[in-house]
Amino acid sequence: MVPLEEMEHPVLFVILGLLAGYVAARLMTKNEKGFGLIANMVVGVLGALLAGWLCPKIGITFTDAWYGLFLQALIGAIVILAVLNFLRK
C-alpha cells in the first residue's frame, strides 16, 4: 500500500469523497437515483469536508490510510444525506 505522503492527498480526498457520496446515496435513499449522480457525489465531498473538520474536534480519529479517509467521508455523507432526507419530508 502506498503511504499518503507519496500520493496527491487533495486528489485522493476528492476521489474518495465522490465514491463515498455514491455509496452513501445507495445506502440512504429509497429510490434508485437518490438526488442524482452529480449531487450525490457533491454530497460525498461535502461529507468528507464535514467529517474531516468535525471528527477530530469530538475526538474521533481514523487511520490515515485510504480506507480510513473513505470511512470518514462515508460517515459525513450519510449524515448530510440524513439531514437532507429529513428536510425533504
C-alpha atoms as a PDB file:
ATOM      1  CA  MET A   1       0.000   0.000   0.000  1.00  0.00           C
ATOM      2  CA  VAL A   2       1.282   3.444  -0.912  1.00  0.00           C
ATOM      3  CA  PRO A   3       1.506   5.906   2.006  1.00  0.00           C
ATOM      4  CA  LEU A   4      -0.452   9.134   1.675  1.00  0.00           C
ATOM      5  CA  GLU A   5       2.728  11.187   1.771  1.00  0.00           C
ATOM      6  CA  GLU A   6       3.589   9.783  -1.659  1.00  0.00           C
ATOM      7  CA  MET A   7       0.116  10.433  -3.104  1.00  0.00           C
ATOM      8  CA  GLU A   8      -1.623  13.623  -4.018  1.00  0.00           C
ATOM      9  CA  HIS A   9      -3.694  13.984  -0.850  1.00  0.00           C
ATOM     10  CA  PRO A  10      -6.263  16.517  -2.197  1.00  0.00           C
ATOM     11  CA  VAL A  11      -6.860  14.405  -5.295  1.00  0.00           C
ATOM     12  CA  LEU A  12      -7.334  11.298  -3.155  1.00  0.00           C
ATOM     13  CA  PHE A  13      -9.646  13.281  -0.885  1.00  0.00           C
ATOM     14  CA  VAL A  14     -11.889  14.286  -3.794  1.00  0.00           C
ATOM     15  CA  ILE A  15     -11.923  10.805  -5.328  1.00  0.00           C
ATOM     16  CA  LEU A  16     -12.822   9.180  -2.014  1.00  0.00           C
ATOM     17  CA  GLY A  17     -15.445  11.863  -1.380  1.00  0.00           C
ATOM     18  CA  LEU A  18     -17.051  11.193  -4.757  1.00  0.00           C
ATOM     19  CA  LEU A  19     -17.095   7.468  -4.108  1.00  0.00           C
ATOM     20  CA  ALA A  20     -18.425   7.945  -0.565  1.00  0.00           C
ATOM     21  CA  GLY A  21     -21.252  10.114  -1.869  1.00  0.00           C
ATOM     22  CA  TYR A  22     -22.259   7.431  -4.323  1.00  0.00           C
ATOM     23  CA  VAL A  23     -22.170   4.677  -1.692  1.00  0.00           C
ATOM     24  CA  ALA A  24     -23.981   6.799   0.904  1.00  0.00           C
ATOM     25  CA  ALA A  25     -26.741   7.622  -1.591  1.00  0.00           C
ATOM     26  CA  ARG A  26     -27.225   3.926  -2.284  1.00  0.00           C
ATOM     27  CA  LEU A  27     -27.449   3.231   1.446  1.00  0.00           C
ATOM     28  CA  MET A  28     -29.655   6.173   2.425  1.00  0.00           C
ATOM     29  CA  THR A  29     -32.186   6.755  -0.346  1.00  0.00           C
ATOM     30  CA  LYS A  30     -35.209   4.666  -1.166  1.00  0.00           C
ATOM     31  CA  ASN A  31     -35.276   5.342  -4.876  1.00  0.00           C
ATOM     32  CA  GLU A  32     -32.559   4.143  -7.208  1.00  0.00           C
ATOM     33  CA  LYS A  33     -31.060   7.532  -8.087  1.00  0.00           C
ATOM     34  CA  GLY A  34     -31.040   9.424  -4.791  1.00  0.00           C
ATOM     35  CA  PHE A  35     -30.508  13.081  -5.647  1.00  0.00           C
ATOM     36  CA  GLY A  36     -28.791  12.291  -8.945  1.00  0.00           C
ATOM     37  CA  LEU A  37     -25.262  11.155  -9.643  1.00  0.00           C
ATOM     38  CA  ILE A  38     -23.599  14.580  -9.581  1.00  0.00           C
ATOM     39  CA  ALA A  39     -25.487  15.760  -6.473  1.00  0.00           C
ATOM     40  CA  ASN A  40     -24.684  12.509  -4.661  1.00  0.00           C
ATOM     41  CA  MET A  41     -21.002  12.960  -5.414  1.00  0.00           C
ATOM     42  CA  VAL A  42     -21.063  16.582  -4.283  1.00  0.00           C
ATOM     43  CA  VAL A  43     -22.713  15.436  -1.054  1.00  0.00           C
ATOM     44  CA  GLY A  44     -19.862  12.958  -0.638  1.00  0.00           C
ATOM     45  CA  VAL A  45     -17.209  15.644  -0.988  1.00  0.00           C
ATOM     46  CA  LEU A  46     -19.122  17.918   1.404  1.00  0.00           C
ATOM     47  CA  GLY A  47     -19.493  14.994   3.789  1.00  0.00           C
ATOM     48  CA  ALA A  48     -15.766  14.383   3.643  1.00  0.00           C
ATOM     49  CA  LEU A  49     -15.158  18.040   4.474  1.00  0.00           C
ATOM     50  CA  LEU A  50     -17.691  17.961   7.313  1.00  0.00           C
ATOM     51  CA  ALA A  51     -16.327  14.766   8.825  1.00  0.00           C
ATOM     52  CA  GLY A  52     -12.724  15.886   8.326  1.00  0.00           C
ATOM     53  CA  TRP A  53     -13.469  19.026  10.312  1.00  0.00           C
ATOM     54  CA  LEU A  54     -15.852  17.606  12.929  1.00  0.00           C
ATOM     55  CA  CYS A  55     -14.363  14.208  13.810  1.00  0.00           C
ATOM     56  CA  PRO A  56     -11.071  15.499  15.257  1.00  0.00           C
ATOM     57  CA  LYS A  57     -12.963  18.133  17.272  1.00  0.00           C
ATOM     58  CA  ILE A  58     -15.059  15.474  19.018  1.00  0.00           C
ATOM     59  CA  GLY A  59     -12.134  13.094  19.470  1.00  0.00           C
ATOM     60  CA  ILE A  60     -12.817  10.561  16.709  1.00  0.00           C
ATOM     61  CA  THR A  61      -9.741   9.587  14.738  1.00  0.00           C
ATOM     62  CA  PHE A  62      -9.365   7.339  11.729  1.00  0.00           C
ATOM     63  CA  THR A  63      -6.302   5.763  10.249  1.00  0.00           C
ATOM     64  CA  ASP A  64      -4.507   7.933   7.712  1.00  0.00           C
ATOM     65  CA  ALA A  65      -4.770   5.223   5.065  1.00  0.00           C
ATOM     66  CA  TRP A  66      -7.217   5.495   2.182  1.00  0.00           C
ATOM     67  CA  TYR A  67      -9.805   3.276   3.865  1.00  0.00           C
ATOM     68  CA  GLY A  68      -9.846   5.485   6.968  1.00  0.00           C
ATOM     69  CA  LEU A  69     -10.413   8.552   4.818  1.00  0.00           C
ATOM     70  CA  PHE A  70     -13.132   6.728   2.896  1.00  0.00           C
ATOM     71  CA  LEU A  71     -14.902   5.697   6.110  1.00  0.00           C
ATOM     72  CA  GLN A  72     -14.714   9.261   7.378  1.00  0.00           C
ATOM     73  CA  ALA A  73     -16.131  10.629   4.115  1.00  0.00           C
ATOM     74  CA  LEU A  74     -18.862   7.980   4.110  1.00  0.00           C
ATOM     75  CA  ILE A  75     -19.959   8.891   7.626  1.00  0.00           C
ATOM     76  CA  GLY A  76     -20.052  12.576   6.719  1.00  0.00           C
ATOM     77  CA  ALA A  77     -22.025  11.902   3.540  1.00  0.00           C
ATOM     78  CA  ILE A  78     -24.527   9.733   5.424  1.00  0.00           C
ATOM     79  CA  VAL A  79     -25.048  12.499   7.989  1.00  0.00           C
ATOM     80  CA  ILE A  80     -25.638  15.097   5.262  1.00  0.00           C
ATOM     81  CA  LEU A  81     -27.999  12.783   3.360  1.00  0.00           C
ATOM     82  CA  ALA A  82     -29.917  12.017   6.559  1.00  0.00           C
ATOM     83  CA  VAL A  83     -30.419  15.746   7.160  1.00  0.00           C
ATOM     84  CA  LEU A  84     -31.433  16.342   3.524  1.00  0.00           C
ATOM     85  CA  ASN A  85     -33.886  13.423   3.597  1.00  0.00           C
ATOM     86  CA  PHE A  86     -35.371  14.774   6.828  1.00  0.00           C
ATOM     87  CA  LEU A  87     -35.759  18.258   5.326  1.00  0.00           C
ATOM     88  CA  ARG A  88     -37.419  16.886   2.159  1.00  0.00           C
ATOM     89  CA  LYS A  89     -40.283  15.406   4.188  1.00  0.00           C
END
